[in-house]
């Protein structure tokens, strides 16, 4: 019996790896205000009501909100993703409309 007969019913290794990955990271809905932006480094920080500062990267900003147009003080909604290795991170960041 050769290699082919043992692996006949198995998926290729690359397909097994892809199917075991989560399709999408999900976090807890949260709101806060931008307290620091480092445009040249492509990231910033959002402060929650309790005073905790959360990191976000420009790639975490959703379409319709441009990272370069964000300013300190903007109110934002996001999903808070807690990671044991790298800490808390804001994903799916969206600027909330300004109140009049």
PDB file of N, CA and C in Angstrom:
ATOM      1  N   UNK A   1       0.829  -1.174   0.000  1.00  0.00           N
ATOM      2  CA  UNK A   1       0.000   0.000   0.000  1.00  0.00           C
ATOM      3  C   UNK A   1       0.874   1.238   0.000  1.00  0.00           C
ATOM      4  N   UNK A   2       0.556   2.152  -0.856  1.00  0.00           N
ATOM      5  CA  UNK A   2       1.354   3.358  -0.988  1.00  0.00           C
ATOM      6  C   UNK A   2       0.750   4.527  -0.238  1.00  0.00           C
ATOM      7  N   UNK A   3       1.398   5.632  -0.343  1.00  0.00           N
ATOM      8  CA  UNK A   3       0.970   6.878   0.295  1.00  0.00           C
ATOM      9  C   UNK A   3      -0.428   7.281  -0.186  1.00  0.00           C
ATOM     10  N   UNK A   4      -0.719   7.068  -1.463  1.00  0.00           N
ATOM     11  CA  UNK A   4      -1.988   7.504  -2.033  1.00  0.00           C
ATOM     12  C   UNK A   4      -3.184   6.825  -1.378  1.00  0.00           C
ATOM     13  N   UNK A   5      -3.105   5.546  -1.073  1.00  0.00           N
ATOM     14  CA  UNK A   5      -4.249   4.836  -0.506  1.00  0.00           C
ATOM     15  C   UNK A   5      -4.523   5.272   0.933  1.00  0.00           C
ATOM     16  N   UNK A   6      -3.517   5.672   1.706  1.00  0.00           N
ATOM     17  CA  UNK A   6      -3.737   6.109   3.085  1.00  0.00           C
ATOM     18  C   UNK A   6      -4.379   7.484   3.140  1.00  0.00           C
ATOM     19  N   UNK A   7      -4.046   8.367   2.203  1.00  0.00           N
ATOM     20  CA  UNK A   7      -4.537   9.735   2.227  1.00  0.00           C
ATOM     21  C   UNK A   7      -5.738   9.959   1.315  1.00  0.00           C
ATOM     22  N   UNK A   8      -6.347   8.885   0.810  1.00  0.00           N
ATOM     23  CA  UNK A   8      -7.406   9.019  -0.192  1.00  0.00           C
ATOM     24  C   UNK A   8      -8.579   9.857   0.311  1.00  0.00           C
ATOM     25  N   UNK A   9      -8.991   9.703   1.563  1.00  0.00           N
ATOM     26  CA  UNK A   9     -10.161  10.424   2.044  1.00  0.00           C
ATOM     27  C   UNK A   9      -9.846  11.689   2.811  1.00  0.00           C
ATOM     28  N   UNK A  10      -8.593  12.060   2.915  1.00  0.00           N
ATOM     29  CA  UNK A  10      -8.210  13.220   3.716  1.00  0.00           C
ATOM     30  C   UNK A  10      -8.087  14.476   2.873  1.00  0.00           C
ATOM     31  N   UNK A  11      -8.362  15.595   3.521  1.00  0.00           N
ATOM     32  CA  UNK A  11      -8.165  16.887   2.871  1.00  0.00           C
ATOM     33  C   UNK A  11      -6.669  17.190   2.831  1.00  0.00           C
ATOM     34  N   UNK A  12      -6.229  17.977   1.855  1.00  0.00           N
ATOM     35  CA  UNK A  12      -4.822  18.404   1.871  1.00  0.00           C
ATOM     36  C   UNK A  12      -4.541  19.225   3.127  1.00  0.00           C
ATOM     37  N   UNK A  13      -3.290  19.272   3.547  1.00  0.00           N
ATOM     38  CA  UNK A  13      -2.904  19.981   4.771  1.00  0.00           C
ATOM     39  C   UNK A  13      -3.340  21.439   4.749  1.00  0.00           C
ATOM     40  N   UNK A  14      -3.207  22.100   3.610  1.00  0.00           N
ATOM     41  CA  UNK A  14      -3.590  23.522   3.536  1.00  0.00           C
ATOM     42  C   UNK A  14      -5.086  23.701   3.757  1.00  0.00           C
ATOM     43  N   UNK A  15      -5.913  22.798   3.277  1.00  0.00           N
ATOM     44  CA  UNK A  15      -7.357  22.894   3.479  1.00  0.00           C
ATOM     45  C   UNK A  15      -7.716  22.644   4.939  1.00  0.00           C
ATOM     46  N   UNK A  16      -7.014  21.720   5.602  1.00  0.00           N
ATOM     47  CA  UNK A  16      -7.272  21.464   7.022  1.00  0.00           C
ATOM     48  C   UNK A  16      -6.927  22.690   7.850  1.00  0.00           C
ATOM     49  N   UNK A  17      -5.834  23.363   7.530  1.00  0.00           N
ATOM     50  CA  UNK A  17      -5.440  24.554   8.281  1.00  0.00           C
ATOM     51  C   UNK A  17      -6.446  25.673   8.110  1.00  0.00           C
ATOM     52  N   UNK A  18      -6.895  25.901   6.899  1.00  0.00           N
ATOM     53  CA  UNK A  18      -7.843  26.974   6.638  1.00  0.00           C
ATOM     54  C   UNK A  18      -9.184  26.713   7.301  1.00  0.00           C
ATOM     55  N   UNK A  19      -9.635  25.477   7.295  1.00  0.00           N
ATOM     56  CA  UNK A  19     -10.942  25.184   7.865  1.00  0.00           C
ATOM     57  C   UNK A  19     -10.934  25.271   9.384  1.00  0.00           C
ATOM     58  N   UNK A  20      -9.775  25.166  10.034  1.00  0.00           N
ATOM     59  CA  UNK A  20      -9.723  25.231  11.487  1.00  0.00           C
ATOM     60  C   UNK A  20      -9.605  26.662  12.001  1.00  0.00           C
ATOM     61  N   UNK A  21      -9.347  27.613  11.144  1.00  0.00           N
ATOM     62  CA  UNK A  21      -9.229  29.011  11.564  1.00  0.00           C
ATOM     63  C   UNK A  21     -10.612  29.617  11.768  1.00  0.00           C
ATOM     64  N   UNK A  22     -10.744  30.502  12.759  1.00  0.00           N
ATOM     65  CA  UNK A  22     -12.035  31.185  12.907  1.00  0.00           C
ATOM     66  C   UNK A  22     -12.271  32.077  11.706  1.00  0.00           C
ATOM     67  N   UNK A  23     -13.515  32.179  11.286  1.00  0.00           N
ATOM     68  CA  UNK A  23     -13.818  32.965  10.100  1.00  0.00           C
ATOM     69  C   UNK A  23     -13.660  34.456  10.351  1.00  0.00           C
ATOM     70  N   UNK A  24     -13.973  34.906  11.560  1.00  0.00           N
ATOM     71  CA  UNK A  24     -13.940  36.334  11.827  1.00  0.00           C
ATOM     72  C   UNK A  24     -13.836  36.553  13.332  1.00  0.00           C
ATOM     73  N   UNK A  25     -12.989  37.495  13.738  1.00  0.00           N
ATOM     74  CA  UNK A  25     -12.889  37.811  15.154  1.00  0.00           C
ATOM     75  C   UNK A  25     -14.070  38.676  15.556  1.00  0.00           C
ATOM     76  N   UNK A  26     -14.619  38.402  16.707  1.00  0.00           N
ATOM     77  CA  UNK A  26     -15.741  39.187  17.212  1.00  0.00           C
ATOM     78  C   UNK A  26     -15.383  39.705  18.603  1.00  0.00           C
ATOM     79  N   UNK A  27     -15.788  40.932  18.880  1.00  0.00           N
ATOM     80  CA  UNK A  27     -15.526  41.528  20.184  1.00  0.00           C
ATOM     81  C   UNK A  27     -16.814  42.011  20.819  1.00  0.00           C
ATOM     82  N   UNK A  28     -16.691  42.684  21.953  1.00  0.00           N
ATOM     83  CA  UNK A  28     -17.838  43.224  22.672  1.00  0.00           C
ATOM     84  C   UNK A  28     -18.084  44.661  22.210  1.00  0.00           C
ATOM     85  N   UNK A  29     -19.333  45.017  21.855  1.00  0.00           N
ATOM     86  CA  UNK A  29     -19.626  46.394  21.436  1.00  0.00           C
ATOM     87  C   UNK A  29     -19.282  47.388  22.538  1.00  0.00           C
ATOM     88  N   UNK A  30     -18.600  48.460  22.166  1.00  0.00           N
ATOM     89  CA  UNK A  30     -18.185  49.480  23.128  1.00  0.00           C
ATOM     90  C   UNK A  30     -18.185  50.853  22.469  1.00  0.00           C
ATOM     91  N   UNK A  31     -18.097  51.887  23.298  1.00  0.00           N
ATOM     92  CA  UNK A  31     -17.962  53.256  22.813  1.00  0.00           C
ATOM     93  C   UNK A  31     -16.859  53.942  23.603  1.00  0.00           C
ATOM     94  N   UNK A  32     -16.310  54.995  23.019  1.00  0.00           N
ATOM     95  CA  UNK A  32     -15.276  55.757  23.698  1.00  0.00           C
ATOM     96  C   UNK A  32     -14.890  56.971  22.879  1.00  0.00           C
ATOM     97  N   UNK A  33     -13.816  57.635  23.292  1.00  0.00           N
ATOM     98  CA  UNK A  33     -13.305  58.820  22.595  1.00  0.00           C
ATOM     99  C   UNK A  33     -11.833  58.620  22.283  1.00  0.00           C
ATOM    100  N   UNK A  34     -11.434  59.110  21.132  1.00  0.00           N
ATOM    101  CA  UNK A  34     -10.031  59.031  20.742  1.00  0.00           C
ATOM    102  C   UNK A  34      -9.239  60.000  21.612  1.00  0.00           C
ATOM    103  N   UNK A  35      -8.170  59.481  22.233  1.00  0.00           N
ATOM    104  CA  UNK A  35      -7.350  60.327  23.111  1.00  0.00           C
ATOM    105  C   UNK A  35      -5.947  60.533  22.564  1.00  0.00           C
ATOM    106  N   UNK A  36      -5.522  59.674  21.632  1.00  0.00           N
ATOM    107  CA  UNK A  36      -4.180  59.832  21.071  1.00  0.00           C
ATOM    108  C   UNK A  36      -4.152  59.221  19.679  1.00  0.00           C
ATOM    109  N   UNK A  37      -3.574  59.956  18.725  1.00  0.00           N
ATOM    110  CA  UNK A  37      -3.392  59.472  17.355  1.00  0.00           C
ATOM    111  C   UNK A  37      -1.935  59.631  16.958  1.00  0.00           C
ATOM    112  N   UNK A  38      -1.361  58.578  16.450  1.00  0.00           N
ATOM    113  CA  UNK A  38       0.001  58.603  15.936  1.00  0.00           C
ATOM    114  C   UNK A  38      -0.093  58.280  14.445  1.00  0.00           C
ATOM    115  N   UNK A  39      -0.400  59.305  13.653  1.00  0.00           N
ATOM    116  CA  UNK A  39      -0.669  59.128  12.224  1.00  0.00           C
ATOM    117  C   UNK A  39       0.504  58.459  11.523  1.00  0.00           C
ATOM    118  N   UNK A  40       1.729  58.891  11.784  1.00  0.00           N
ATOM    119  CA  UNK A  40       2.908  58.318  11.131  1.00  0.00           C
ATOM    120  C   UNK A  40       3.141  56.857  11.484  1.00  0.00           C
ATOM    121  N   UNK A  41       2.657  56.434  12.645  1.00  0.00           N
ATOM    122  CA  UNK A  41       2.820  55.043  13.073  1.00  0.00           C
ATOM    123  C   UNK A  41       1.557  54.219  12.835  1.00  0.00           C
ATOM    124  N   UNK A  42       0.531  54.846  12.293  1.00  0.00           N
ATOM    125  CA  UNK A  42      -0.718  54.185  11.884  1.00  0.00           C
ATOM    126  C   UNK A  42      -1.500  53.546  13.028  1.00  0.00           C
ATOM    127  N   UNK A  43      -1.484  54.168  14.198  1.00  0.00           N
ATOM    128  CA  UNK A  43      -2.316  53.656  15.278  1.00  0.00           C
ATOM    129  C   UNK A  43      -2.698  54.769  16.238  1.00  0.00           C
ATOM    130  N   UNK A  44      -3.574  54.429  17.159  1.00  0.00           N
ATOM    131  CA  UNK A  44      -4.018  55.391  18.146  1.00  0.00           C
ATOM    132  C   UNK A  44      -4.605  54.691  19.342  1.00  0.00           C
ATOM    133  N   UNK A  45      -5.205  55.488  20.255  1.00  0.00           N
ATOM    134  CA  UNK A  45      -5.784  54.955  21.480  1.00  0.00           C
ATOM    135  C   UNK A  45      -7.153  55.571  21.715  1.00  0.00           C
ATOM    136  N   UNK A  46      -8.061  54.753  22.219  1.00  0.00           N
ATOM    137  CA  UNK A  46      -9.422  55.155  22.546  1.00  0.00           C
ATOM    138  C   UNK A  46      -9.586  54.992  24.050  1.00  0.00           C
ATOM    139  N   UNK A  47     -10.173  56.012  24.704  1.00  0.00           N
ATOM    140  CA  UNK A  47     -10.404  55.923  26.145  1.00  0.00           C
ATOM    141  C   UNK A  47     -11.865  55.536  26.388  1.00  0.00           C
ATOM    142  N   UNK A  48     -12.040  54.497  27.208  1.00  0.00           N
ATOM    143  CA  UNK A  48     -13.376  54.071  27.634  1.00  0.00           C
ATOM    144  C   UNK A  48     -13.857  54.965  28.762  1.00  0.00           C
ATOM    145  N   UNK A  49     -15.135  54.905  29.079  1.00  0.00           N
ATOM    146  CA  UNK A  49     -15.675  55.730  30.162  1.00  0.00           C
ATOM    147  C   UNK A  49     -14.982  55.466  31.492  1.00  0.00           C
ATOM    148  N   UNK A  50     -14.564  54.257  31.729  1.00  0.00           N
ATOM    149  CA  UNK A  50     -13.893  53.916  32.986  1.00  0.00           C
ATOM    150  C   UNK A  50     -12.457  54.408  33.062  1.00  0.00           C
ATOM    151  N   UNK A  51     -11.943  55.001  31.972  1.00  0.00           N
ATOM    152  CA  UNK A  51     -10.594  55.549  31.975  1.00  0.00           C
ATOM    153  C   UNK A  51      -9.553  54.668  31.303  1.00  0.00           C
ATOM    154  N   UNK A  52      -9.913  53.470  30.935  1.00  0.00           N
ATOM    155  CA  UNK A  52      -8.968  52.534  30.306  1.00  0.00           C
ATOM    156  C   UNK A  52      -8.713  52.940  28.851  1.00  0.00           C
ATOM    157  N   UNK A  53      -7.442  52.922  28.427  1.00  0.00           N
ATOM    158  CA  UNK A  53      -7.076  53.267  27.048  1.00  0.00           C
ATOM    159  C   UNK A  53      -6.907  51.972  26.240  1.00  0.00           C
ATOM    160  N   UNK A  54      -7.510  51.941  25.061  1.00  0.00           N
ATOM    161  CA  UNK A  54      -7.497  50.767  24.197  1.00  0.00           C
ATOM    162  C   UNK A  54      -6.787  51.111  22.887  1.00  0.00           C
ATOM    163  N   UNK A  55      -5.898  50.244  22.457  1.00  0.00           N
ATOM    164  CA  UNK A  55      -5.136  50.387  21.210  1.00  0.00           C
ATOM    165  C   UNK A  55      -6.015  50.084  20.002  1.00  0.00           C
ATOM    166  N   UNK A  56      -5.788  50.818  18.888  1.00  0.00           N
ATOM    167  CA  UNK A  56      -6.367  50.435  17.597  1.00  0.00           C
ATOM    168  C   UNK A  56      -5.384  50.776  16.486  1.00  0.00           C
ATOM    169  N   UNK A  57      -5.442  50.027  15.408  1.00  0.00           N
ATOM    170  CA  UNK A  57      -4.584  50.218  14.241  1.00  0.00           C
ATOM    171  C   UNK A  57      -5.432  50.763  13.103  1.00  0.00           C
ATOM    172  N   UNK A  58      -4.797  51.449  12.158  1.00  0.00           N
ATOM    173  CA  UNK A  58      -5.540  52.026  11.036  1.00  0.00           C
ATOM    174  C   UNK A  58      -6.320  50.968  10.273  1.00  0.00           C
ATOM    175  N   UNK A  59      -5.849  49.733  10.232  1.00  0.00           N
ATOM    176  CA  UNK A  59      -6.562  48.662   9.534  1.00  0.00           C
ATOM    177  C   UNK A  59      -7.835  48.255  10.268  1.00  0.00           C
ATOM    178  N   UNK A  60      -8.007  48.677  11.524  1.00  0.00           N
ATOM    179  CA  UNK A  60      -9.211  48.377  12.291  1.00  0.00           C
ATOM    180  C   UNK A  60     -10.324  49.388  12.061  1.00  0.00           C
ATOM    181  N   UNK A  61     -10.045  50.461  11.344  1.00  0.00           N
ATOM    182  CA  UNK A  61     -11.045  51.488  11.058  1.00  0.00           C
ATOM    183  C   UNK A  61     -11.894  51.016   9.881  1.00  0.00           C
ATOM    184  N   UNK A  62     -13.215  51.040  10.062  1.00  0.00           N
ATOM    185  CA  UNK A  62     -14.143  50.555   9.044  1.00  0.00           C
ATOM    186  C   UNK A  62     -14.260  51.522   7.870  1.00  0.00           C
ATOM    187  N   UNK A  63     -14.714  50.986   6.743  1.00  0.00           N
ATOM    188  CA  UNK A  63     -14.963  51.825   5.563  1.00  0.00           C
ATOM    189  C   UNK A  63     -15.987  52.900   5.922  1.00  0.00           C
ATOM    190  N   UNK A  64     -15.839  54.049   5.331  1.00  0.00           N
ATOM    191  CA  UNK A  64     -16.711  55.171   5.634  1.00  0.00           C
ATOM    192  C   UNK A  64     -16.086  56.104   6.668  1.00  0.00           C
ATOM    193  N   UNK A  65     -15.076  55.626   7.360  1.00  0.00           N
ATOM    194  CA  UNK A  65     -14.323  56.433   8.310  1.00  0.00           C
ATOM    195  C   UNK A  65     -12.859  56.331   7.905  1.00  0.00           C
ATOM    196  N   UNK A  66     -12.252  57.457   7.558  1.00  0.00           N
ATOM    197  CA  UNK A  66     -10.846  57.451   7.142  1.00  0.00           C
ATOM    198  C   UNK A  66      -9.952  57.702   8.366  1.00  0.00           C
ATOM    199  N   UNK A  67      -8.942  56.880   8.541  1.00  0.00           N
ATOM    200  CA  UNK A  67      -8.031  57.015   9.675  1.00  0.00           C
ATOM    201  C   UNK A  67      -7.433  58.425   9.727  1.00  0.00           C
ATOM    202  N   UNK A  68      -7.028  58.948   8.582  1.00  0.00           N
ATOM    203  CA  UNK A  68      -6.384  60.268   8.537  1.00  0.00           C
ATOM    204  C   UNK A  68      -7.333  61.410   8.867  1.00  0.00           C
ATOM    205  N   UNK A  69      -8.638  61.156   8.854  1.00  0.00           N
ATOM    206  CA  UNK A  69      -9.616  62.199   9.176  1.00  0.00           C
ATOM    207  C   UNK A  69     -10.046  62.177  10.639  1.00  0.00           C
ATOM    208  N   UNK A  70      -9.635  61.167  11.384  1.00  0.00           N
ATOM    209  CA  UNK A  70      -9.964  61.110  12.805  1.00  0.00           C
ATOM    210  C   UNK A  70      -9.175  62.175  13.551  1.00  0.00           C
ATOM    211  N   UNK A  71      -9.766  62.721  14.606  1.00  0.00           N
ATOM    212  CA  UNK A  71      -9.083  63.713  15.440  1.00  0.00           C
ATOM    213  C   UNK A  71      -9.286  63.345  16.909  1.00  0.00           C
ATOM    214  N   UNK A  72      -8.380  63.809  17.744  1.00  0.00           N
ATOM    215  CA  UNK A  72      -8.499  63.585  19.184  1.00  0.00           C
ATOM    216  C   UNK A  72      -9.809  64.214  19.650  1.00  0.00           C
ATOM    217  N   UNK A  73     -10.559  63.453  20.420  1.00  0.00           N
ATOM    218  CA  UNK A  73     -11.855  63.919  20.918  1.00  0.00           C
ATOM    219  C   UNK A  73     -13.039  63.315  20.176  1.00  0.00           C
ATOM    220  N   UNK A  74     -12.823  62.737  18.999  1.00  0.00           N
ATOM    221  CA  UNK A  74     -13.915  62.101  18.253  1.00  0.00           C
ATOM    222  C   UNK A  74     -14.505  60.955  19.060  1.00  0.00           C
ATOM    223  N   UNK A  75     -15.834  60.877  19.083  1.00  0.00           N
ATOM    224  CA  UNK A  75     -16.526  59.749  19.697  1.00  0.00           C
ATOM    225  C   UNK A  75     -16.562  58.620  18.674  1.00  0.00           C
ATOM    226  N   UNK A  76     -16.294  57.400  19.120  1.00  0.00           N
ATOM    227  CA  UNK A  76     -16.268  56.248  18.227  1.00  0.00           C
ATOM    228  C   UNK A  76     -16.993  55.063  18.856  1.00  0.00           C
ATOM    229  N   UNK A  77     -17.498  54.196  17.996  1.00  0.00           N
ATOM    230  CA  UNK A  77     -18.005  52.897  18.428  1.00  0.00           C
ATOM    231  C   UNK A  77     -17.047  51.856  17.877  1.00  0.00           C
ATOM    232  N   UNK A  78     -16.928  50.745  18.570  1.00  0.00           N
ATOM    233  CA  UNK A  78     -15.983  49.709  18.162  1.00  0.00           C
ATOM    234  C   UNK A  78     -16.325  48.414  18.877  1.00  0.00           C
ATOM    235  N   UNK A  79     -15.623  47.365  18.515  1.00  0.00           N
ATOM    236  CA  UNK A  79     -15.730  46.098  19.219  1.00  0.00           C
ATOM    237  C   UNK A  79     -14.435  45.894  19.994  1.00  0.00           C
ATOM    238  N   UNK A  80     -14.563  45.614  21.279  1.00  0.00           N
ATOM    239  CA  UNK A  80     -13.418  45.419  22.152  1.00  0.00           C
ATOM    240  C   UNK A  80     -13.026  43.953  22.128  1.00  0.00           C
ATOM    241  N   UNK A  81     -11.826  43.686  21.640  1.00  0.00           N
ATOM    242  CA  UNK A  81     -11.320  42.325  21.540  1.00  0.00           C
ATOM    243  C   UNK A  81     -10.252  42.128  22.604  1.00  0.00           C
ATOM    244  N   UNK A  82     -10.505  41.232  23.535  1.00  0.00           N
ATOM    245  CA  UNK A  82      -9.547  40.935  24.603  1.00  0.00           C
ATOM    246  C   UNK A  82      -8.683  39.762  24.169  1.00  0.00           C
ATOM    247  N   UNK A  83      -7.365  39.949  24.188  1.00  0.00           N
ATOM    248  CA  UNK A  83      -6.430  38.905  23.794  1.00  0.00           C
ATOM    249  C   UNK A  83      -5.435  38.702  24.927  1.00  0.00           C
ATOM    250  N   UNK A  84      -5.276  37.475  25.378  1.00  0.00           N
ATOM    251  CA  UNK A  84      -4.375  37.191  26.497  1.00  0.00           C
ATOM    252  C   UNK A  84      -2.919  37.485  26.162  1.00  0.00           C
ATOM    253  N   UNK A  85      -2.550  37.367  24.912  1.00  0.00           N
ATOM    254  CA  UNK A  85      -1.154  37.556  24.515  1.00  0.00           C
ATOM    255  C   UNK A  85      -0.830  39.031  24.292  1.00  0.00           C
ATOM    256  N   UNK A  86      -1.594  39.699  23.451  1.00  0.00           N
ATOM    257  CA  UNK A  86      -1.254  41.074  23.081  1.00  0.00           C
ATOM    258  C   UNK A  86      -2.086  42.134  23.795  1.00  0.00           C
ATOM    259  N   UNK A  87      -3.039  41.759  24.603  1.00  0.00           N
ATOM    260  CA  UNK A  87      -3.845  42.724  25.342  1.00  0.00           C
ATOM    261  C   UNK A  87      -5.101  43.116  24.598  1.00  0.00           C
ATOM    262  N   UNK A  88      -5.755  44.152  25.078  1.00  0.00           N
ATOM    263  CA  UNK A  88      -7.018  44.614  24.498  1.00  0.00           C
ATOM    264  C   UNK A  88      -6.766  45.402  23.217  1.00  0.00           C
ATOM    265  N   UNK A  89      -7.712  45.286  22.279  1.00  0.00           N
ATOM    266  CA  UNK A  89      -7.609  45.984  21.005  1.00  0.00           C
ATOM    267  C   UNK A  89      -9.008  46.342  20.517  1.00  0.00           C
ATOM    268  N   UNK A  90      -9.132  47.513  19.912  1.00  0.00           N
ATOM    269  CA  UNK A  90     -10.399  47.926  19.323  1.00  0.00           C
ATOM    270  C   UNK A  90     -10.399  47.513  17.854  1.00  0.00           C
ATOM    271  N   UNK A  91     -11.468  46.832  17.431  1.00  0.00           N
ATOM    272  CA  UNK A  91     -11.629  46.462  16.028  1.00  0.00           C
ATOM    273  C   UNK A  91     -12.945  47.035  15.527  1.00  0.00           C
ATOM    274  N   UNK A  92     -13.065  47.158  14.212  1.00  0.00           N
ATOM    275  CA  UNK A  92     -14.274  47.713  13.578  1.00  0.00           C
ATOM    276  C   UNK A  92     -14.622  49.096  14.141  1.00  0.00           C
ATOM    277  N   UNK A  93     -13.637  49.984  14.144  1.00  0.00           N
ATOM    278  CA  UNK A  93     -13.798  51.334  14.688  1.00  0.00           C
ATOM    279  C   UNK A  93     -14.565  52.199  13.690  1.00  0.00           C
ATOM    280  N   UNK A  94     -15.595  52.881  14.189  1.00  0.00           N
ATOM    281  CA  UNK A  94     -16.418  53.775  13.360  1.00  0.00           C
ATOM    282  C   UNK A  94     -16.620  55.078  14.127  1.00  0.00           C
ATOM    283  N   UNK A  95     -16.388  56.198  13.449  1.00  0.00           N
ATOM    284  CA  UNK A  95     -16.630  57.504  14.087  1.00  0.00           C
ATOM    285  C   UNK A  95     -18.126  57.726  14.191  1.00  0.00           C
ATOM    286  N   UNK A  96     -18.572  58.152  15.371  1.00  0.00           N
ATOM    287  CA  UNK A  96     -19.994  58.459  15.565  1.00  0.00           C
ATOM    288  C   UNK A  96     -20.261  59.861  15.062  1.00  0.00           C
ATOM    289  N   UNK A  97     -21.469  60.097  14.535  1.00  0.00           N
ATOM    290  CA  UNK A  97     -21.811  61.435  14.047  1.00  0.00           C
ATOM    291  C   UNK A  97     -21.718  62.457  15.177  1.00  0.00           C
ATOM    292  N   UNK A  98     -21.265  63.646  14.838  1.00  0.00           N
ATOM    293  CA  UNK A  98     -21.140  64.714  15.841  1.00  0.00           C
ATOM    294  C   UNK A  98     -22.526  65.246  16.195  1.00  0.00           C
ATOM    295  N   UNK A  99     -22.710  65.517  17.479  1.00  0.00           N
ATOM    296  CA  UNK A  99     -23.984  66.075  17.944  1.00  0.00           C
ATOM    297  C   UNK A  99     -24.020  67.558  17.678  1.00  0.00           C
ATOM    298  N   UNK A 100     -25.198  68.045  17.417  1.00  0.00           N
ATOM    299  CA  UNK A 100     -25.340  69.492  17.120  1.00  0.00           C
ATOM    300  C   UNK A 100     -25.937  70.222  18.272  1.00  0.00           C
TER     301      UNK A 100
END
